[in-house]
């Protein structure tokens, strides 16, 4: 059985990086001329 704390940490890291990727994507889209 995997360590629950370790799993939670991995999930949090993945969610955080996904949020950062989404923010970067939105910034790039905002920079595009409409």
PDB file of N, CA and C in Angstrom:
ATOM      1  N   UNK A   1       0.846  -1.201   0.000  1.00  0.00           N
ATOM      2  CA  UNK A   1       0.000   0.000   0.000  1.00  0.00           C
ATOM      3  C   UNK A   1       0.882   1.251   0.000  1.00  0.00           C
ATOM      4  N   UNK A   2       0.525   2.204  -0.854  1.00  0.00           N
ATOM      5  CA  UNK A   2       1.356   3.403  -0.963  1.00  0.00           C
ATOM      6  C   UNK A   2       1.106   4.338   0.201  1.00  0.00           C
ATOM      7  N   UNK A   3       2.092   5.162   0.473  1.00  0.00           N
ATOM      8  CA  UNK A   3       1.993   6.130   1.553  1.00  0.00           C
ATOM      9  C   UNK A   3       0.992   7.210   1.170  1.00  0.00           C
ATOM     10  N   UNK A   4      -0.006   7.419   2.032  1.00  0.00           N
ATOM     11  CA  UNK A   4      -1.061   8.388   1.718  1.00  0.00           C
ATOM     12  C   UNK A   4      -0.507   9.797   1.599  1.00  0.00           C
ATOM     13  N   UNK A   5       0.414  10.145   2.500  1.00  0.00           N
ATOM     14  CA  UNK A   5       0.993  11.497   2.464  1.00  0.00           C
ATOM     15  C   UNK A   5       1.728  11.723   1.157  1.00  0.00           C
ATOM     16  N   UNK A   6       2.481  10.711   0.720  1.00  0.00           N
ATOM     17  CA  UNK A   6       3.238  10.822  -0.527  1.00  0.00           C
ATOM     18  C   UNK A   6       2.279  11.011  -1.699  1.00  0.00           C
ATOM     19  N   UNK A   7       1.189  10.256  -1.709  1.00  0.00           N
ATOM     20  CA  UNK A   7       0.214  10.361  -2.788  1.00  0.00           C
ATOM     21  C   UNK A   7      -0.408  11.740  -2.812  1.00  0.00           C
ATOM     22  N   UNK A   8      -0.773  12.265  -1.648  1.00  0.00           N
ATOM     23  CA  UNK A   8      -1.363  13.594  -1.573  1.00  0.00           C
ATOM     24  C   UNK A   8      -0.394  14.649  -2.090  1.00  0.00           C
ATOM     25  N   UNK A   9       0.868  14.492  -1.741  1.00  0.00           N
ATOM     26  CA  UNK A   9       1.885  15.450  -2.201  1.00  0.00           C
ATOM     27  C   UNK A   9       1.959  15.429  -3.730  1.00  0.00           C
ATOM     28  N   UNK A  10       1.994  14.221  -4.312  1.00  0.00           N
ATOM     29  CA  UNK A  10       2.082  14.106  -5.769  1.00  0.00           C
ATOM     30  C   UNK A  10       0.866  14.732  -6.437  1.00  0.00           C
ATOM     31  N   UNK A  11      -0.319  14.475  -5.885  1.00  0.00           N
ATOM     32  CA  UNK A  11      -1.544  15.037  -6.460  1.00  0.00           C
ATOM     33  C   UNK A  11      -1.512  16.554  -6.387  1.00  0.00           C
ATOM     34  N   UNK A  12      -1.065  17.082  -5.243  1.00  0.00           N
ATOM     35  CA  UNK A  12      -1.002  18.534  -5.081  1.00  0.00           C
ATOM     36  C   UNK A  12      -0.036  19.146  -6.083  1.00  0.00           C
ATOM     37  N   UNK A  13       1.123  18.504  -6.249  1.00  0.00           N
ATOM     38  CA  UNK A  13       2.124  19.011  -7.191  1.00  0.00           C
ATOM     39  C   UNK A  13       1.552  19.006  -8.611  1.00  0.00           C
ATOM     40  N   UNK A  14       0.847  17.945  -8.955  1.00  0.00           N
ATOM     41  CA  UNK A  14       0.287  17.856 -10.311  1.00  0.00           C
ATOM     42  C   UNK A  14      -0.781  18.923 -10.525  1.00  0.00           C
ATOM     43  N   UNK A  15      -1.621  19.136  -9.522  1.00  0.00           N
ATOM     44  CA  UNK A  15      -2.662  20.159  -9.645  1.00  0.00           C
ATOM     45  C   UNK A  15      -2.036  21.537  -9.773  1.00  0.00           C
ATOM     46  N   UNK A  16      -0.989  21.774  -8.979  1.00  0.00           N
ATOM     47  CA  UNK A  16      -0.329  23.078  -9.017  1.00  0.00           C
ATOM     48  C   UNK A  16       0.297  23.322 -10.381  1.00  0.00           C
ATOM     49  N   UNK A  17       0.987  22.325 -10.917  1.00  0.00           N
ATOM     50  CA  UNK A  17       1.634  22.499 -12.220  1.00  0.00           C
ATOM     51  C   UNK A  17       0.578  22.654 -13.312  1.00  0.00           C
ATOM     52  N   UNK A  18      -0.554  21.967 -13.167  1.00  0.00           N
ATOM     53  CA  UNK A  18      -1.629  22.116 -14.155  1.00  0.00           C
ATOM     54  C   UNK A  18      -2.175  23.539 -14.122  1.00  0.00           C
ATOM     55  N   UNK A  19      -2.330  24.091 -12.921  1.00  0.00           N
ATOM     56  CA  UNK A  19      -2.818  25.469 -12.789  1.00  0.00           C
ATOM     57  C   UNK A  19      -1.822  26.435 -13.418  1.00  0.00           C
ATOM     58  N   UNK A  20      -0.530  26.210 -13.181  1.00  0.00           N
ATOM     59  CA  UNK A  20       0.499  27.085 -13.748  1.00  0.00           C
ATOM     60  C   UNK A  20       0.493  26.993 -15.270  1.00  0.00           C
ATOM     61  N   UNK A  21       0.351  25.778 -15.804  1.00  0.00           N
ATOM     62  CA  UNK A  21       0.309  25.601 -17.253  1.00  0.00           C
ATOM     63  C   UNK A  21      -0.887  26.336 -17.837  1.00  0.00           C
ATOM     64  N   UNK A  22      -2.044  26.249 -17.161  1.00  0.00           N
ATOM     65  CA  UNK A  22      -3.249  26.913 -17.637  1.00  0.00           C
ATOM     66  C   UNK A  22      -3.054  28.429 -17.620  1.00  0.00           C
ATOM     67  N   UNK A  23      -2.418  28.952 -16.566  1.00  0.00           N
ATOM     68  CA  UNK A  23      -2.161  30.395 -16.480  1.00  0.00           C
ATOM     69  C   UNK A  23      -1.240  30.833 -17.609  1.00  0.00           C
ATOM     70  N   UNK A  24      -0.211  30.049 -17.889  1.00  0.00           N
ATOM     71  CA  UNK A  24       0.713  30.383 -18.986  1.00  0.00           C
ATOM     72  C   UNK A  24      -0.021  30.386 -20.321  1.00  0.00           C
ATOM     73  N   UNK A  25      -0.894  29.397 -20.508  1.00  0.00           N
ATOM     74  CA  UNK A  25      -1.641  29.295 -21.758  1.00  0.00           C
ATOM     75  C   UNK A  25      -2.546  30.513 -21.926  1.00  0.00           C
ATOM     76  N   UNK A  26      -3.240  30.895 -20.859  1.00  0.00           N
ATOM     77  CA  UNK A  26      -4.131  32.053 -20.929  1.00  0.00           C
ATOM     78  C   UNK A  26      -3.341  33.322 -21.232  1.00  0.00           C
ATOM     79  N   UNK A  27      -2.173  33.468 -20.615  1.00  0.00           N
ATOM     80  CA  UNK A  27      -1.338  34.639 -20.874  1.00  0.00           C
ATOM     81  C   UNK A  27      -0.930  34.698 -22.340  1.00  0.00           C
ATOM     82  N   UNK A  28      -0.559  33.554 -22.894  1.00  0.00           N
ATOM     83  CA  UNK A  28      -0.153  33.516 -24.300  1.00  0.00           C
ATOM     84  C   UNK A  28      -1.331  33.879 -25.204  1.00  0.00           C
ATOM     85  N   UNK A  29      -2.506  33.370 -24.875  1.00  0.00           N
ATOM     86  CA  UNK A  29      -3.681  33.683 -25.684  1.00  0.00           C
ATOM     87  C   UNK A  29      -4.011  35.162 -25.592  1.00  0.00           C
ATOM     88  N   UNK A  30      -3.851  35.749 -24.413  1.00  0.00           N
ATOM     89  CA  UNK A  30      -4.132  37.178 -24.237  1.00  0.00           C
ATOM     90  C   UNK A  30      -3.158  38.029 -25.034  1.00  0.00           C
ATOM     91  N   UNK A  31      -1.940  37.530 -25.230  1.00  0.00           N
ATOM     92  CA  UNK A  31      -0.938  38.303 -25.961  1.00  0.00           C
ATOM     93  C   UNK A  31      -1.188  38.280 -27.468  1.00  0.00           C
ATOM     94  N   UNK A  32      -1.936  37.284 -27.929  1.00  0.00           N
ATOM     95  CA  UNK A  32      -2.202  37.197 -29.361  1.00  0.00           C
ATOM     96  C   UNK A  32      -3.081  38.356 -29.809  1.00  0.00           C
ATOM     97  N   UNK A  33      -2.784  38.934 -30.981  1.00  0.00           N
ATOM     98  CA  UNK A  33      -3.653  39.991 -31.505  1.00  0.00           C
ATOM     99  C   UNK A  33      -5.016  39.422 -31.871  1.00  0.00           C
ATOM    100  N   UNK A  34      -6.063  40.093 -31.472  1.00  0.00           N
ATOM    101  CA  UNK A  34      -7.411  39.560 -31.719  1.00  0.00           C
ATOM    102  C   UNK A  34      -7.937  40.009 -33.078  1.00  0.00           C
TER     103      UNK A  34
END
